[in-house]
PDB file of N, CA and C in Angstrom:
ATOM      1  N   MET A   1      70.277  46.596  98.728  1.00  0.00           N
ATOM      2  CA  MET A   1      69.929  47.707  99.538  1.00  0.00           C
ATOM      3  C   MET A   1      69.237  48.778  98.655  1.00  0.00           C
ATOM      4  N   PRO A   2      67.989  49.100  98.989  1.00  0.00           N
ATOM      5  CA  PRO A   2      67.273  50.103  98.166  1.00  0.00           C
ATOM      6  C   PRO A   2      67.945  51.483  98.296  1.00  0.00           C
ATOM      7  N   LYS A   3      68.057  52.180  97.176  1.00  0.00           N
ATOM      8  CA  LYS A   3      68.506  53.559  97.141  1.00  0.00           C
ATOM      9  C   LYS A   3      67.315  54.449  97.228  1.00  0.00           C
ATOM     10  N   ILE A   4      67.297  55.363  98.227  1.00  0.00           N
ATOM     11  CA  ILE A   4      66.172  56.300  98.407  1.00  0.00           C
ATOM     12  C   ILE A   4      66.725  57.748  98.570  1.00  0.00           C
ATOM     13  N   GLU A   5      65.829  58.683  98.745  1.00  0.00           N
ATOM     14  CA  GLU A   5      66.202  59.989  99.043  1.00  0.00           C
ATOM     15  C   GLU A   5      65.332  60.414 100.262  1.00  0.00           C
ATOM     16  N   VAL A   6      65.924  61.204 101.116  1.00  0.00           N
ATOM     17  CA  VAL A   6      65.177  61.800 102.220  1.00  0.00           C
ATOM     18  C   VAL A   6      65.285  63.301 102.038  1.00  0.00           C
ATOM     19  N   VAL A   7      64.152  64.045 102.121  1.00  0.00           N
ATOM     20  CA  VAL A   7      64.138  65.464 101.922  1.00  0.00           C
ATOM     21  C   VAL A   7      63.474  66.225 103.064  1.00  0.00           C
ATOM     22  N   TYR A   8      63.879  67.460 103.289  1.00  0.00           N
ATOM     23  CA  TYR A   8      63.284  68.369 104.204  1.00  0.00           C
ATOM     24  C   TYR A   8      63.470  69.768 103.731  1.00  0.00           C
ATOM     25  N   GLY A   9      62.551  70.655 103.933  1.00  0.00           N
ATOM     26  CA  GLY A   9      62.816  71.979 103.436  1.00  0.00           C
ATOM     27  C   GLY A   9      62.103  73.042 104.341  1.00  0.00           C
ATOM     28  N   LEU A  10      62.760  74.172 104.313  1.00  0.00           N
ATOM     29  CA  LEU A  10      62.188  75.330 104.931  1.00  0.00           C
ATOM     30  C   LEU A  10      62.003  76.339 103.694  1.00  0.00           C
ATOM     31  N   PRO A  11      61.321  77.426 103.860  1.00  0.00           N
ATOM     32  CA  PRO A  11      61.121  78.337 102.742  1.00  0.00           C
ATOM     33  C   PRO A  11      62.424  78.833 102.172  1.00  0.00           C
ATOM     34  N   GLU A  12      63.422  78.975 103.023  1.00  0.00           N
ATOM     35  CA  GLU A  12      64.695  79.515 102.577  1.00  0.00           C
ATOM     36  C   GLU A  12      65.751  78.520 102.322  1.00  0.00           C
ATOM     37  N   ARG A  13      65.546  77.258 102.718  1.00  0.00           N
ATOM     38  CA  ARG A  13      66.620  76.292 102.530  1.00  0.00           C
ATOM     39  C   ARG A  13      66.019  74.862 102.542  1.00  0.00           C
ATOM     40  N   GLN A  14      66.573  73.994 101.672  1.00  0.00           N
ATOM     41  CA  GLN A  14      66.177  72.638 101.549  1.00  0.00           C
ATOM     42  C   GLN A  14      67.358  71.710 101.558  1.00  0.00           C
ATOM     43  N   LYS A  15      67.133  70.460 101.873  1.00  0.00           N
ATOM     44  CA  LYS A  15      68.167  69.437 101.883  1.00  0.00           C
ATOM     45  C   LYS A  15      67.617  68.185 101.306  1.00  0.00           C
ATOM     46  N   LEU A  16      68.365  67.546 100.416  1.00  0.00           N
ATOM     47  CA  LEU A  16      67.995  66.169  99.877  1.00  0.00           C
ATOM     48  C   LEU A  16      69.223  65.323 100.148  1.00  0.00           C
ATOM     49  N   LEU A  17      69.001  64.247 100.769  1.00  0.00           N
ATOM     50  CA  LEU A  17      70.058  63.309 101.154  1.00  0.00           C
ATOM     51  C   LEU A  17      69.800  61.935 100.533  1.00  0.00           C
ATOM     52  N   PRO A  18      70.735  61.576  99.581  1.00  0.00           N
ATOM     53  CA  PRO A  18      70.629  60.166  99.112  1.00  0.00           C
ATOM     54  C   PRO A  18      71.034  59.152 100.182  1.00  0.00           C
ATOM     55  N   LEU A  19      70.373  58.026 100.167  1.00  0.00           N
ATOM     56  CA  LEU A  19      70.650  57.067 101.264  1.00  0.00           C
ATOM     57  C   LEU A  19      70.403  55.616 100.773  1.00  0.00           C
ATOM     58  N   ASP A  20      71.300  54.755 101.192  1.00  0.00           N
ATOM     59  CA  ASP A  20      71.091  53.289 100.938  1.00  0.00           C
ATOM     60  C   ASP A  20      70.648  52.704 102.211  1.00  0.00           C
ATOM     61  N   VAL A  21      69.488  52.039 102.166  1.00  0.00           N
ATOM     62  CA  VAL A  21      68.948  51.441 103.452  1.00  0.00           C
ATOM     63  C   VAL A  21      68.771  49.943 103.245  1.00  0.00           C
ATOM     64  N   PRO A  22      68.780  49.215 104.324  1.00  0.00           N
ATOM     65  CA  PRO A  22      68.575  47.763 104.218  1.00  0.00           C
ATOM     66  C   PRO A  22      67.149  47.434 103.860  1.00  0.00           C
ATOM     67  N   GLU A  23      66.937  46.295 103.218  1.00  0.00           N
ATOM     68  CA  GLU A  23      65.641  45.786 102.930  1.00  0.00           C
ATOM     69  C   GLU A  23      64.844  45.786 104.210  1.00  0.00           C
ATOM     70  N   GLY A  24      63.576  46.129 104.161  1.00  0.00           N
ATOM     71  CA  GLY A  24      62.752  46.080 105.332  1.00  0.00           C
ATOM     72  C   GLY A  24      62.791  47.305 106.213  1.00  0.00           C
ATOM     73  N   THR A  25      63.381  48.397 105.693  1.00  0.00           N
ATOM     74  CA  THR A  25      63.383  49.688 106.402  1.00  0.00           C
ATOM     75  C   THR A  25      62.098  50.386 106.320  1.00  0.00           C
ATOM     76  N   SER A  26      61.556  50.816 107.396  1.00  0.00           N
ATOM     77  CA  SER A  26      60.347  51.600 107.428  1.00  0.00           C
ATOM     78  C   SER A  26      60.574  53.045 107.007  1.00  0.00           C
ATOM     79  N   VAL A  27      59.501  53.747 106.665  1.00  0.00           N
ATOM     80  CA  VAL A  27      59.614  55.127 106.279  1.00  0.00           C
ATOM     81  C   VAL A  27      60.164  55.881 107.483  1.00  0.00           C
ATOM     82  N   ARG A  28      59.766  55.665 108.636  1.00  0.00           N
ATOM     83  CA  ARG A  28      60.234  56.366 109.903  1.00  0.00           C
ATOM     84  C   ARG A  28      61.706  56.065 110.089  1.00  0.00           C
ATOM     85  N   GLN A  29      62.077  54.793 109.957  1.00  0.00           N
ATOM     86  CA  GLN A  29      63.442  54.382 110.188  1.00  0.00           C
ATOM     87  C   GLN A  29      64.371  55.133 109.134  1.00  0.00           C
ATOM     88  N   ALA A  30      63.898  55.211 107.907  1.00  0.00           N
ATOM     89  CA  ALA A  30      64.672  55.968 106.825  1.00  0.00           C
ATOM     90  C   ALA A  30      64.912  57.428 107.223  1.00  0.00           C
ATOM     91  N   ALA A  31      63.863  58.040 107.712  1.00  0.00           N
ATOM     92  CA  ALA A  31      63.951  59.422 108.109  1.00  0.00           C
ATOM     93  C   ALA A  31      64.912  59.625 109.264  1.00  0.00           C
ATOM     94  N   GLU A  32      64.838  58.683 110.215  1.00  0.00           N
ATOM     95  CA  GLU A  32      65.734  58.729 111.388  1.00  0.00           C
ATOM     96  C   GLU A  32      67.173  58.465 111.004  1.00  0.00           C
ATOM     97  N   CYS A  33      67.408  57.530 110.119  1.00  0.00           N
ATOM     98  CA  CYS A  33      68.737  57.200 109.622  1.00  0.00           C
ATOM     99  C   CYS A  33      69.353  58.286 108.776  1.00  0.00           C
ATOM    100  N   SER A  34      68.612  59.149 108.248  1.00  0.00           N
ATOM    101  CA  SER A  34      69.078  60.104 107.225  1.00  0.00           C
ATOM    102  C   SER A  34      70.070  61.094 107.819  1.00  0.00           C
ATOM    103  N   GLY A  35      69.973  61.415 109.171  1.00  0.00           N
ATOM    104  CA  GLY A  35      70.823  62.380 109.765  1.00  0.00           C
ATOM    105  C   GLY A  35      70.425  63.761 109.473  1.00  0.00           C
ATOM    106  N   MET A  36      69.190  63.936 109.016  1.00  0.00           N
ATOM    107  CA  MET A  36      68.632  65.251 108.672  1.00  0.00           C
ATOM    108  C   MET A  36      68.655  66.282 109.879  1.00  0.00           C
ATOM    109  N   GLU A  37      68.507  65.720 111.071  1.00  0.00           N
ATOM    110  CA  GLU A  37      68.460  66.596 112.236  1.00  0.00           C
ATOM    111  C   GLU A  37      69.821  67.255 112.382  1.00  0.00           C
ATOM    112  N   ALA A  38      70.926  66.834 111.843  1.00  0.00           N
ATOM    113  CA  ALA A  38      72.217  67.527 111.886  1.00  0.00           C
ATOM    114  C   ALA A  38      72.122  68.808 111.143  1.00  0.00           C
ATOM    115  N   PHE A  39      71.333  68.846 110.094  1.00  0.00           N
ATOM    116  CA  PHE A  39      71.170  70.050 109.243  1.00  0.00           C
ATOM    117  C   PHE A  39      70.039  70.976 109.726  1.00  0.00           C
ATOM    118  N   PHE A  40      69.043  70.384 110.380  1.00  0.00           N
ATOM    119  CA  PHE A  40      67.856  71.115 110.834  1.00  0.00           C
ATOM    120  C   PHE A  40      67.633  70.675 112.233  1.00  0.00           C
ATOM    121  N   PRO A  41      68.271  71.225 113.266  1.00  0.00           N
ATOM    122  CA  PRO A  41      68.191  70.730 114.631  1.00  0.00           C
ATOM    123  C   PRO A  41      66.780  70.835 115.242  1.00  0.00           C
ATOM    124  N   ASP A  42      65.895  71.690 114.668  1.00  0.00           N
ATOM    125  CA  ASP A  42      64.564  71.806 115.172  1.00  0.00           C
ATOM    126  C   ASP A  42      63.601  70.749 114.849  1.00  0.00           C
ATOM    127  N   ILE A  43      64.006  69.887 113.864  1.00  0.00           N
ATOM    128  CA  ILE A  43      62.984  68.796 113.547  1.00  0.00           C
ATOM    129  C   ILE A  43      63.204  67.563 114.439  1.00  0.00           C
ATOM    130  N   ASP A  44      62.116  66.889 114.574  1.00  0.00           N
ATOM    131  CA  ASP A  44      62.152  65.655 115.372  1.00  0.00           C
ATOM    132  C   ASP A  44      61.583  64.528 114.511  1.00  0.00           C
ATOM    133  N   THR A  45      62.453  63.762 113.848  1.00  0.00           N
ATOM    134  CA  THR A  45      62.048  62.757 112.879  1.00  0.00           C
ATOM    135  C   THR A  45      61.273  61.608 113.610  1.00  0.00           C
ATOM    136  N   ARG A  46      61.343  61.522 114.878  1.00  0.00           N
ATOM    137  CA  ARG A  46      60.577  60.517 115.599  1.00  0.00           C
ATOM    138  C   ARG A  46      59.088  60.852 115.739  1.00  0.00           C
ATOM    139  N   GLN A  47      58.778  62.182 115.592  1.00  0.00           N
ATOM    140  CA  GLN A  47      57.395  62.618 115.691  1.00  0.00           C
ATOM    141  C   GLN A  47      56.861  63.258 114.491  1.00  0.00           C
ATOM    142  N   ALA A  48      57.653  63.636 113.578  1.00  0.00           N
ATOM    143  CA  ALA A  48      57.226  64.396 112.361  1.00  0.00           C
ATOM    144  C   ALA A  48      56.380  63.556 111.419  1.00  0.00           C
ATOM    145  N   LYS A  49      55.404  64.222 110.824  1.00  0.00           N
ATOM    146  CA  LYS A  49      54.611  63.598 109.727  1.00  0.00           C
ATOM    147  C   LYS A  49      55.532  63.266 108.561  1.00  0.00           C
ATOM    148  N   LEU A  50      55.297  62.165 107.949  1.00  0.00           N
ATOM    149  CA  LEU A  50      56.198  61.811 106.778  1.00  0.00           C
ATOM    150  C   LEU A  50      55.388  61.378 105.644  1.00  0.00           C
ATOM    151  N   GLY A  51      55.993  61.568 104.365  1.00  0.00           N
ATOM    152  CA  GLY A  51      55.268  61.142 103.232  1.00  0.00           C
ATOM    153  C   GLY A  51      56.253  60.600 102.182  1.00  0.00           C
ATOM    154  N   ILE A  52      55.688  60.111 101.099  1.00  0.00           N
ATOM    155  CA  ILE A  52      56.482  59.587  99.974  1.00  0.00           C
ATOM    156  C   ILE A  52      55.914  60.254  98.730  1.00  0.00           C
ATOM    157  N   PHE A  53      56.795  61.034  98.046  1.00  0.00           N
ATOM    158  CA  PHE A  53      56.349  61.749  96.843  1.00  0.00           C
ATOM    159  C   PHE A  53      55.109  62.534  96.957  1.00  0.00           C
ATOM    160  N   GLY A  54      55.000  63.258  98.014  1.00  0.00           N
ATOM    161  CA  GLY A  54      53.861  64.214  98.239  1.00  0.00           C
ATOM    162  C   GLY A  54      52.626  63.661  98.842  1.00  0.00           C
ATOM    163  N   LYS A  55      52.630  62.278  99.176  1.00  0.00           N
ATOM    164  CA  LYS A  55      51.529  61.623  99.819  1.00  0.00           C
ATOM    165  C   LYS A  55      51.863  61.300 101.185  1.00  0.00           C
ATOM    166  N   LEU A  56      51.050  61.762 102.140  1.00  0.00           N
ATOM    167  CA  LEU A  56      51.216  61.478 103.505  1.00  0.00           C
ATOM    168  C   LEU A  56      51.180  59.978 103.771  1.00  0.00           C
ATOM    169  N   VAL A  57      52.088  59.494 104.558  1.00  0.00           N
ATOM    170  CA  VAL A  57      52.097  58.058 104.918  1.00  0.00           C
ATOM    171  C   VAL A  57      51.363  57.877 106.270  1.00  0.00           C
ATOM    172  N   ALA A  58      50.268  57.189 106.295  1.00  0.00           N
ATOM    173  CA  ALA A  58      49.433  57.042 107.496  1.00  0.00           C
ATOM    174  C   ALA A  58      50.192  56.374 108.562  1.00  0.00           C
ATOM    175  N   LYS A  59      50.927  55.246 108.235  1.00  0.00           N
ATOM    176  CA  LYS A  59      51.630  54.463 109.240  1.00  0.00           C
ATOM    177  C   LYS A  59      53.127  54.350 108.894  1.00  0.00           C
ATOM    178  N   PRO A  60      53.849  55.442 109.093  1.00  0.00           N
ATOM    179  CA  PRO A  60      55.288  55.421 108.756  1.00  0.00           C
ATOM    180  C   PRO A  60      56.112  54.464 109.467  1.00  0.00           C
ATOM    181  N   ASP A  61      55.704  53.975 110.607  1.00  0.00           N
ATOM    182  CA  ASP A  61      56.419  52.950 111.329  1.00  0.00           C
ATOM    183  C   ASP A  61      56.275  51.548 110.763  1.00  0.00           C
ATOM    184  N   GLU A  62      55.251  51.423 109.970  1.00  0.00           N
ATOM    185  CA  GLU A  62      54.882  50.106 109.347  1.00  0.00           C
ATOM    186  C   GLU A  62      55.200  50.011 107.862  1.00  0.00           C
ATOM    187  N   GLN A  63      54.995  51.131 107.107  1.00  0.00           N
ATOM    188  CA  GLN A  63      55.157  51.125 105.720  1.00  0.00           C
ATOM    189  C   GLN A  63      56.651  51.039 105.419  1.00  0.00           C
ATOM    190  N   LEU A  64      57.048  50.145 104.480  1.00  0.00           N
ATOM    191  CA  LEU A  64      58.420  49.961 104.118  1.00  0.00           C
ATOM    192  C   LEU A  64      58.801  50.776 102.854  1.00  0.00           C
ATOM    193  N   VAL A  65      59.997  51.289 102.820  1.00  0.00           N
ATOM    194  CA  VAL A  65      60.424  52.061 101.674  1.00  0.00           C
ATOM    195  C   VAL A  65      60.815  51.098 100.511  1.00  0.00           C
ATOM    196  N   LYS A  66      60.734  51.589  99.300  1.00  0.00           N
ATOM    197  CA  LYS A  66      61.121  50.832  98.138  1.00  0.00           C
ATOM    198  C   LYS A  66      62.154  51.582  97.356  1.00  0.00           C
ATOM    199  N   GLU A  67      62.890  50.870  96.495  1.00  0.00           N
ATOM    200  CA  GLU A  67      63.830  51.479  95.585  1.00  0.00           C
ATOM    201  C   GLU A  67      63.320  52.777  94.977  1.00  0.00           C
ATOM    202  N   GLY A  68      64.064  53.868  95.079  1.00  0.00           N
ATOM    203  CA  GLY A  68      63.636  55.072  94.390  1.00  0.00           C
ATOM    204  C   GLY A  68      62.696  55.968  95.121  1.00  0.00           C
ATOM    205  N   ASP A  69      62.238  55.576  96.346  1.00  0.00           N
ATOM    206  CA  ASP A  69      61.313  56.413  97.054  1.00  0.00           C
ATOM    207  C   ASP A  69      62.020  57.689  97.416  1.00  0.00           C
ATOM    208  N   ARG A  70      61.222  58.755  97.569  1.00  0.00           N
ATOM    209  CA  ARG A  70      61.661  60.006  98.131  1.00  0.00           C
ATOM    210  C   ARG A  70      60.814  60.224  99.406  1.00  0.00           C
ATOM    211  N   VAL A  71      61.472  60.026 100.537  1.00  0.00           N
ATOM    212  CA  VAL A  71      60.776  60.235 101.824  1.00  0.00           C
ATOM    213  C   VAL A  71      60.833  61.663 102.215  1.00  0.00           C
ATOM    214  N   GLU A  72      59.686  62.249 102.517  1.00  0.00           N
ATOM    215  CA  GLU A  72      59.664  63.670 102.862  1.00  0.00           C
ATOM    216  C   GLU A  72      59.291  63.840 104.281  1.00  0.00           C
ATOM    217  N   ILE A  73      60.069  64.663 104.921  1.00  0.00           N
ATOM    218  CA  ILE A  73      59.754  65.013 106.337  1.00  0.00           C
ATOM    219  C   ILE A  73      58.962  66.315 106.313  1.00  0.00           C
ATOM    220  N   TYR A  74      57.775  66.293 106.875  1.00  0.00           N
ATOM    221  CA  TYR A  74      56.889  67.545 106.803  1.00  0.00           C
ATOM    222  C   TYR A  74      57.003  68.380 108.034  1.00  0.00           C
ATOM    223  N   ARG A  75      57.003  69.721 107.825  1.00  0.00           N
ATOM    224  CA  ARG A  75      56.993  70.697 108.958  1.00  0.00           C
ATOM    225  C   ARG A  75      55.595  70.807 109.459  1.00  0.00           C
ATOM    226  N   PRO A  76      55.501  71.113 110.770  1.00  0.00           N
ATOM    227  CA  PRO A  76      54.177  71.355 111.342  1.00  0.00           C
ATOM    228  C   PRO A  76      53.566  72.569 110.713  1.00  0.00           C
ATOM    229  N   LEU A  77      52.249  72.640 110.523  1.00  0.00           N
ATOM    230  CA  LEU A  77      51.641  73.840 109.952  1.00  0.00           C
ATOM    231  C   LEU A  77      51.663  74.938 111.018  1.00  0.00           C
ATOM    232  N   ILE A  78      51.928  76.162 110.440  1.00  0.00           N
ATOM    233  CA  ILE A  78      51.962  77.348 111.392  1.00  0.00           C
ATOM    234  C   ILE A  78      50.604  78.029 111.448  1.00  0.00           C
ATOM    235  N   ALA A  79      49.716  77.683 110.520  1.00  0.00           N
ATOM    236  CA  ALA A  79      48.334  78.256 110.441  1.00  0.00           C
ATOM    237  C   ALA A  79      47.375  77.141 109.973  1.00  0.00           C
ATOM    238  N   ASP A  80      46.233  77.178 110.574  1.00  0.00           N
ATOM    239  CA  ASP A  80      45.226  76.226 110.044  1.00  0.00           C
ATOM    240  C   ASP A  80      44.780  76.654 108.651  1.00  0.00           C
ATOM    241  N   PRO A  81      44.931  75.802 107.643  1.00  0.00           N
ATOM    242  CA  PRO A  81      44.528  76.200 106.253  1.00  0.00           C
ATOM    243  C   PRO A  81      43.059  76.658 106.165  1.00  0.00           C
ATOM    244  N   LYS A  82      42.164  76.017 106.878  1.00  0.00           N
ATOM    245  CA  LYS A  82      40.771  76.465 106.817  1.00  0.00           C
ATOM    246  C   LYS A  82      40.600  77.847 107.384  1.00  0.00           C
ATOM    247  N   ALA A  83      41.226  78.149 108.466  1.00  0.00           N
ATOM    248  CA  ALA A  83      41.123  79.459 109.055  1.00  0.00           C
ATOM    249  C   ALA A  83      41.778  80.524 108.276  1.00  0.00           C
ATOM    250  N   ALA A  84      42.912  80.248 107.579  1.00  0.00           N
ATOM    251  CA  ALA A  84      43.603  81.142 106.735  1.00  0.00           C
ATOM    252  C   ALA A  84      42.678  81.481 105.475  1.00  0.00           C
ATOM    253  N   ARG A  85      42.081  80.437 104.903  1.00  0.00           N
ATOM    254  CA  ARG A  85      41.203  80.674 103.773  1.00  0.00           C
ATOM    255  C   ARG A  85      40.003  81.490 104.157  1.00  0.00           C
ATOM    256  N   ALA A  86      39.382  81.244 105.324  1.00  0.00           N
ATOM    257  CA  ALA A  86      38.251  81.976 105.726  1.00  0.00           C
ATOM    258  C   ALA A  86      38.690  83.467 105.993  1.00  0.00           C
ATOM    259  N   LYS A  87      39.877  83.717 106.581  1.00  0.00           N
ATOM    260  CA  LYS A  87      40.272  85.085 106.753  1.00  0.00           C
ATOM    261  C   LYS A  87      40.462  85.814 105.412  1.00  0.00           C
ATOM    262  N   ARG A  88      41.072  85.092 104.470  1.00  0.00           N
ATOM    263  CA  ARG A  88      41.246  85.736 103.140  1.00  0.00           C
ATOM    264  C   ARG A  88      39.960  86.049 102.479  1.00  0.00           C
ATOM    265  N   ALA A  89      38.937  85.134 102.670  1.00  0.00           N
ATOM    266  CA  ALA A  89      37.576  85.341 102.123  1.00  0.00           C
ATOM    267  C   ALA A  89      36.845  86.570 102.772  1.00  0.00           C
ATOM    268  N   GLU A  90      37.228  86.855 104.005  1.00  0.00           N
ATOM    269  CA  GLU A  90      36.555  87.993 104.695  1.00  0.00           C
ATOM    270  C   GLU A  90      36.993  89.330 104.099  1.00  0.00           C
ATOM    271  N   LYS A  91      38.168  89.402 103.496  1.00  0.00           N
ATOM    272  CA  LYS A  91      38.651  90.654 102.955  1.00  0.00           C
ATOM    273  C   LYS A  91      37.898  91.044 101.738  1.00  0.00           C
ATOM    274  N   PRO A  92      37.522  92.305 101.580  1.00  0.00           N
ATOM    275  CA  PRO A  92      36.867  92.651 100.316  1.00  0.00           C
ATOM    276  C   PRO A  92      37.743  92.556  99.127  1.00  0.00           C
ATOM    277  N   ALA A  93      37.107  92.155  97.977  1.00  0.00           N
ATOM    278  CA  ALA A  93      37.916  91.992  96.725  1.00  0.00           C
ATOM    279  C   ALA A  93      38.245  93.376  96.231  1.00  0.00           C
ATOM    280  N   LYS A  94      39.500  93.423  95.680  1.00  0.00           N
ATOM    281  CA  LYS A  94      40.034  94.684  95.044  1.00  0.00           C
ATOM    282  C   LYS A  94      39.494  94.745  93.610  1.00  0.00           C
ATOM    283  N   ASN A  95      38.932  95.824  93.204  1.00  0.00           N
ATOM    284  CA  ASN A  95      38.440  96.025  91.819  1.00  0.00           C
ATOM    285  C   ASN A  95      39.387  96.881  91.065  1.00  0.00           C
TER     286      ASN A  95
END
């Protein structure tokens, strides 16, 4: 059984859960099995974007976890990064 970690974080609080999963467990299944929703009721692991070590997993229902993987559950963005950057660029620079 591969030993993995599942993580989720908010700016003020984070949680890392070690987990032993059966061989053939997908990234999505690992997130769902973690029980992270008990700590963060607002997340939905069935719909959340997922990654491994900072890289987004394109097909979390198909990609299998491996020994030592850290599955990351990502929060939805609250602002479009491009729009935020453009807004910052509009402000005059302080000298």
